[in-house]
N, C-alpha and C. Protein backbone atom coordinates (compact mmCIF):
# COMPACT_ATOMS: atom_id res chain seq x y z
N MET A 1 0.95 -4.24 0.00
CA MET A 1 0.04 -5.14 -0.64
C MET A 1 0.47 -5.42 -2.08
N ILE A 2 1.09 -4.44 -2.74
CA ILE A 2 1.56 -4.68 -4.10
C ILE A 2 2.64 -5.75 -4.10
N LEU A 3 3.60 -5.66 -3.19
CA LEU A 3 4.70 -6.63 -3.16
C LEU A 3 4.21 -8.05 -3.00
N SER A 4 3.17 -8.26 -2.19
CA SER A 4 2.65 -9.61 -1.95
C SER A 4 1.60 -10.01 -2.98
N ASN A 5 1.35 -9.16 -3.98
CA ASN A 5 0.36 -9.42 -5.02
C ASN A 5 -1.04 -9.57 -4.44
N GLY A 6 -1.29 -8.86 -3.34
CA GLY A 6 -2.61 -8.87 -2.71
C GLY A 6 -2.81 -9.96 -1.67
N LYS A 7 -1.80 -10.79 -1.45
CA LYS A 7 -1.95 -11.90 -0.50
C LYS A 7 -1.98 -11.40 0.95
N TYR A 8 -1.05 -10.52 1.30
CA TYR A 8 -0.99 -10.01 2.67
C TYR A 8 -1.59 -8.62 2.71
N LYS A 9 -2.60 -8.46 3.51
CA LYS A 9 -3.30 -7.18 3.61
C LYS A 9 -2.94 -6.51 4.93
N SER A 10 -2.75 -5.21 4.87
CA SER A 10 -2.43 -4.46 6.09
C SER A 10 -3.71 -4.19 6.87
N ALA A 11 -3.55 -3.96 8.15
CA ALA A 11 -4.69 -3.64 9.01
C ALA A 11 -4.96 -2.14 8.96
N GLU A 12 -6.22 -1.76 9.03
CA GLU A 12 -6.56 -0.35 9.12
C GLU A 12 -6.14 0.14 10.50
N HIS A 13 -5.56 1.32 10.55
CA HIS A 13 -5.10 1.88 11.83
C HIS A 13 -6.24 2.67 12.46
N ARG A 14 -6.59 2.29 13.67
CA ARG A 14 -7.63 3.01 14.40
C ARG A 14 -7.14 3.28 15.81
N VAL A 15 -7.60 4.39 16.34
CA VAL A 15 -7.16 4.81 17.67
C VAL A 15 -8.37 5.16 18.51
N ARG A 16 -8.33 4.73 19.72
CA ARG A 16 -9.37 5.11 20.67
C ARG A 16 -8.76 6.12 21.64
N THR A 17 -9.36 7.28 21.72
CA THR A 17 -8.81 8.32 22.59
C THR A 17 -9.73 8.54 23.79
N THR A 18 -9.18 9.14 24.80
CA THR A 18 -9.96 9.52 25.97
C THR A 18 -9.57 10.94 26.36
N SER A 19 -10.47 11.65 26.92
CA SER A 19 -10.17 13.03 27.30
C SER A 19 -9.43 13.08 28.63
N MET A 20 -9.28 11.94 29.30
CA MET A 20 -8.63 11.93 30.61
C MET A 20 -7.12 11.73 30.52
N LEU A 21 -6.65 11.15 29.43
CA LEU A 21 -5.22 10.89 29.30
C LEU A 21 -4.69 11.51 28.01
N SER A 22 -3.47 11.99 28.07
CA SER A 22 -2.87 12.52 26.85
C SER A 22 -2.30 11.37 26.03
N ARG A 23 -2.14 11.62 24.77
CA ARG A 23 -1.65 10.60 23.86
C ARG A 23 -0.63 11.23 22.94
N VAL A 24 0.47 10.52 22.71
CA VAL A 24 1.51 11.00 21.81
C VAL A 24 1.69 9.96 20.71
N SER A 25 1.69 10.42 19.48
CA SER A 25 1.92 9.54 18.33
C SER A 25 3.17 10.00 17.60
N ILE A 26 3.99 9.06 17.21
CA ILE A 26 5.19 9.38 16.44
C ILE A 26 5.17 8.50 15.19
N PRO A 27 4.74 9.05 14.06
CA PRO A 27 4.70 8.24 12.85
C PRO A 27 6.10 8.03 12.28
N VAL A 28 6.32 6.85 11.75
CA VAL A 28 7.59 6.53 11.10
C VAL A 28 7.25 5.93 9.75
N PHE A 29 7.76 6.52 8.69
CA PHE A 29 7.48 6.04 7.35
C PHE A 29 8.77 5.51 6.72
N THR A 30 8.70 4.34 6.17
CA THR A 30 9.83 3.78 5.45
C THR A 30 9.34 3.31 4.09
N GLY A 31 10.22 3.26 3.16
CA GLY A 31 9.85 2.79 1.84
C GLY A 31 10.97 3.04 0.86
N PRO A 32 10.75 2.60 -0.37
CA PRO A 32 11.78 2.80 -1.39
C PRO A 32 11.88 4.27 -1.80
N ARG A 33 12.99 4.61 -2.39
CA ARG A 33 13.19 5.96 -2.91
C ARG A 33 12.19 6.24 -4.02
N PRO A 34 11.86 7.51 -4.25
CA PRO A 34 10.84 7.86 -5.25
C PRO A 34 11.14 7.34 -6.66
N ASN A 35 12.40 7.18 -7.01
CA ASN A 35 12.75 6.74 -8.37
C ASN A 35 12.85 5.21 -8.50
N LYS A 36 12.42 4.47 -7.51
CA LYS A 36 12.46 3.00 -7.55
C LYS A 36 11.11 2.43 -7.94
N LYS A 37 11.13 1.28 -8.58
CA LYS A 37 9.91 0.62 -9.02
C LYS A 37 9.34 -0.26 -7.91
N VAL A 38 8.01 -0.31 -7.85
CA VAL A 38 7.30 -1.17 -6.90
C VAL A 38 6.43 -2.10 -7.74
N ARG A 39 6.55 -3.40 -7.48
CA ARG A 39 5.78 -4.39 -8.23
C ARG A 39 5.64 -5.65 -7.39
N PRO A 40 4.74 -6.53 -7.77
CA PRO A 40 4.65 -7.79 -7.05
C PRO A 40 5.97 -8.56 -7.16
N LEU A 41 6.37 -9.19 -6.08
CA LEU A 41 7.61 -9.96 -6.09
C LEU A 41 7.50 -11.12 -7.07
N PRO A 42 8.54 -11.36 -7.87
CA PRO A 42 8.49 -12.45 -8.86
C PRO A 42 8.15 -13.81 -8.25
N GLU A 43 8.66 -14.09 -7.05
CA GLU A 43 8.40 -15.37 -6.40
C GLU A 43 6.92 -15.56 -6.10
N VAL A 44 6.24 -14.46 -5.74
CA VAL A 44 4.82 -14.52 -5.42
C VAL A 44 4.01 -14.69 -6.70
N VAL A 45 4.37 -13.96 -7.73
CA VAL A 45 3.67 -14.07 -9.02
C VAL A 45 3.84 -15.49 -9.57
N GLU A 46 5.03 -16.03 -9.45
CA GLU A 46 5.29 -17.39 -9.94
C GLU A 46 4.38 -18.40 -9.24
N ARG A 47 4.19 -18.25 -7.93
CA ARG A 47 3.32 -19.14 -7.17
C ARG A 47 1.85 -18.95 -7.54
N ASN A 48 1.43 -17.69 -7.68
CA ASN A 48 0.02 -17.39 -7.96
C ASN A 48 -0.33 -17.52 -9.44
N GLY A 49 0.66 -17.41 -10.29
CA GLY A 49 0.43 -17.54 -11.72
C GLY A 49 0.15 -16.26 -12.47
N ILE A 50 -0.24 -15.19 -11.78
CA ILE A 50 -0.56 -13.94 -12.46
C ILE A 50 -0.35 -12.75 -11.51
N ALA A 51 0.16 -11.66 -12.07
CA ALA A 51 0.33 -10.44 -11.28
C ALA A 51 -1.00 -9.70 -11.22
N ARG A 52 -1.42 -9.31 -10.03
CA ARG A 52 -2.67 -8.56 -9.87
C ARG A 52 -2.44 -7.05 -9.94
N TYR A 53 -1.18 -6.63 -9.73
CA TYR A 53 -0.84 -5.21 -9.73
C TYR A 53 0.24 -4.94 -10.76
N ARG A 54 0.15 -3.77 -11.40
CA ARG A 54 1.17 -3.38 -12.37
C ARG A 54 2.36 -2.76 -11.65
N GLU A 55 3.46 -2.68 -12.33
CA GLU A 55 4.65 -2.04 -11.80
C GLU A 55 4.44 -0.53 -11.81
N VAL A 56 4.74 0.14 -10.70
CA VAL A 56 4.61 1.59 -10.60
C VAL A 56 5.87 2.16 -9.96
N MET A 57 6.13 3.41 -10.23
CA MET A 57 7.24 4.08 -9.55
C MET A 57 6.79 4.40 -8.12
N SER A 58 7.71 4.31 -7.20
CA SER A 58 7.39 4.58 -5.80
C SER A 58 6.77 5.96 -5.63
N GLU A 59 7.28 6.94 -6.37
CA GLU A 59 6.75 8.30 -6.28
C GLU A 59 5.27 8.34 -6.70
N GLU A 60 4.93 7.64 -7.78
CA GLU A 60 3.54 7.58 -8.24
C GLU A 60 2.65 6.92 -7.18
N TYR A 61 3.15 5.84 -6.60
CA TYR A 61 2.41 5.13 -5.56
C TYR A 61 2.13 6.05 -4.36
N MET A 62 3.16 6.75 -3.89
CA MET A 62 2.99 7.61 -2.72
C MET A 62 2.08 8.81 -3.02
N LYS A 63 2.20 9.40 -4.19
CA LYS A 63 1.32 10.52 -4.55
C LYS A 63 -0.14 10.06 -4.57
N ASN A 64 -0.38 8.91 -5.15
CA ASN A 64 -1.74 8.38 -5.20
C ASN A 64 -2.24 8.03 -3.80
N TYR A 65 -1.39 7.43 -2.99
CA TYR A 65 -1.78 7.05 -1.64
C TYR A 65 -2.20 8.28 -0.82
N PHE A 66 -1.39 9.32 -0.83
CA PHE A 66 -1.70 10.49 -0.02
C PHE A 66 -2.83 11.33 -0.62
N ALA A 67 -3.05 11.22 -1.91
CA ALA A 67 -4.18 11.91 -2.54
C ALA A 67 -5.50 11.25 -2.15
N ASN A 68 -5.43 9.97 -1.77
CA ASN A 68 -6.61 9.20 -1.37
C ASN A 68 -6.46 8.68 0.05
N ALA A 69 -5.91 9.51 0.91
CA ALA A 69 -5.58 9.08 2.27
C ALA A 69 -6.75 8.49 3.04
N HIS A 70 -7.95 8.96 2.76
CA HIS A 70 -9.11 8.46 3.48
C HIS A 70 -9.84 7.38 2.70
N GLY A 71 -9.21 6.90 1.64
CA GLY A 71 -9.81 5.86 0.81
C GLY A 71 -9.50 4.45 1.30
N GLY A 72 -8.66 4.34 2.33
CA GLY A 72 -8.32 3.02 2.84
C GLY A 72 -7.70 2.16 1.76
N LYS A 73 -8.13 0.92 1.68
CA LYS A 73 -7.57 -0.02 0.71
C LYS A 73 -7.86 0.40 -0.73
N ASN A 74 -8.87 1.22 -0.96
CA ASN A 74 -9.20 1.65 -2.31
C ASN A 74 -8.09 2.47 -2.95
N SER A 75 -7.16 2.96 -2.16
CA SER A 75 -6.09 3.77 -2.71
C SER A 75 -5.16 2.95 -3.60
N LEU A 76 -5.27 1.63 -3.59
CA LEU A 76 -4.43 0.77 -4.43
C LEU A 76 -5.08 0.41 -5.76
N GLU A 77 -6.33 0.75 -5.93
CA GLU A 77 -7.04 0.35 -7.15
C GLU A 77 -6.39 0.88 -8.42
N PHE A 78 -5.68 2.02 -8.32
CA PHE A 78 -5.04 2.59 -9.51
C PHE A 78 -4.00 1.64 -10.08
N ALA A 79 -3.44 0.75 -9.28
CA ALA A 79 -2.38 -0.14 -9.73
C ALA A 79 -2.90 -1.54 -10.10
N LEU A 80 -4.18 -1.80 -9.87
CA LEU A 80 -4.73 -3.11 -10.22
C LEU A 80 -4.68 -3.33 -11.73
N ILE A 81 -4.35 -4.54 -12.13
CA ILE A 81 -4.39 -4.91 -13.54
C ILE A 81 -5.78 -5.44 -13.80
N ASN A 82 -6.44 -4.88 -14.79
CA ASN A 82 -7.80 -5.29 -15.14
C ASN A 82 -7.77 -6.73 -15.65
N SER A 83 -8.49 -7.61 -14.97
CA SER A 83 -8.46 -9.02 -15.33
C SER A 83 -9.49 -9.39 -16.40
N SER A 84 -10.29 -8.43 -16.86
CA SER A 84 -11.30 -8.77 -17.87
C SER A 84 -10.79 -8.63 -19.28
């Protein structure tokens, strides 16, 4: 969501389970290295006129995300630029 400056939103992941069938999940995580910066793409900011999110280090983003794992989309609020 930071890269798209808030334009593209991810879907919440939900699972429906049943006690009659087994289920196997294999999570796969990809992303930039911890020492890389994450920010809205310049092309998107140019189109929208203003960045809604500040630049953060990938490590800071991931630490915040996992610290607020059950916060859903609220886990990104730490990177919002205050528009007031």
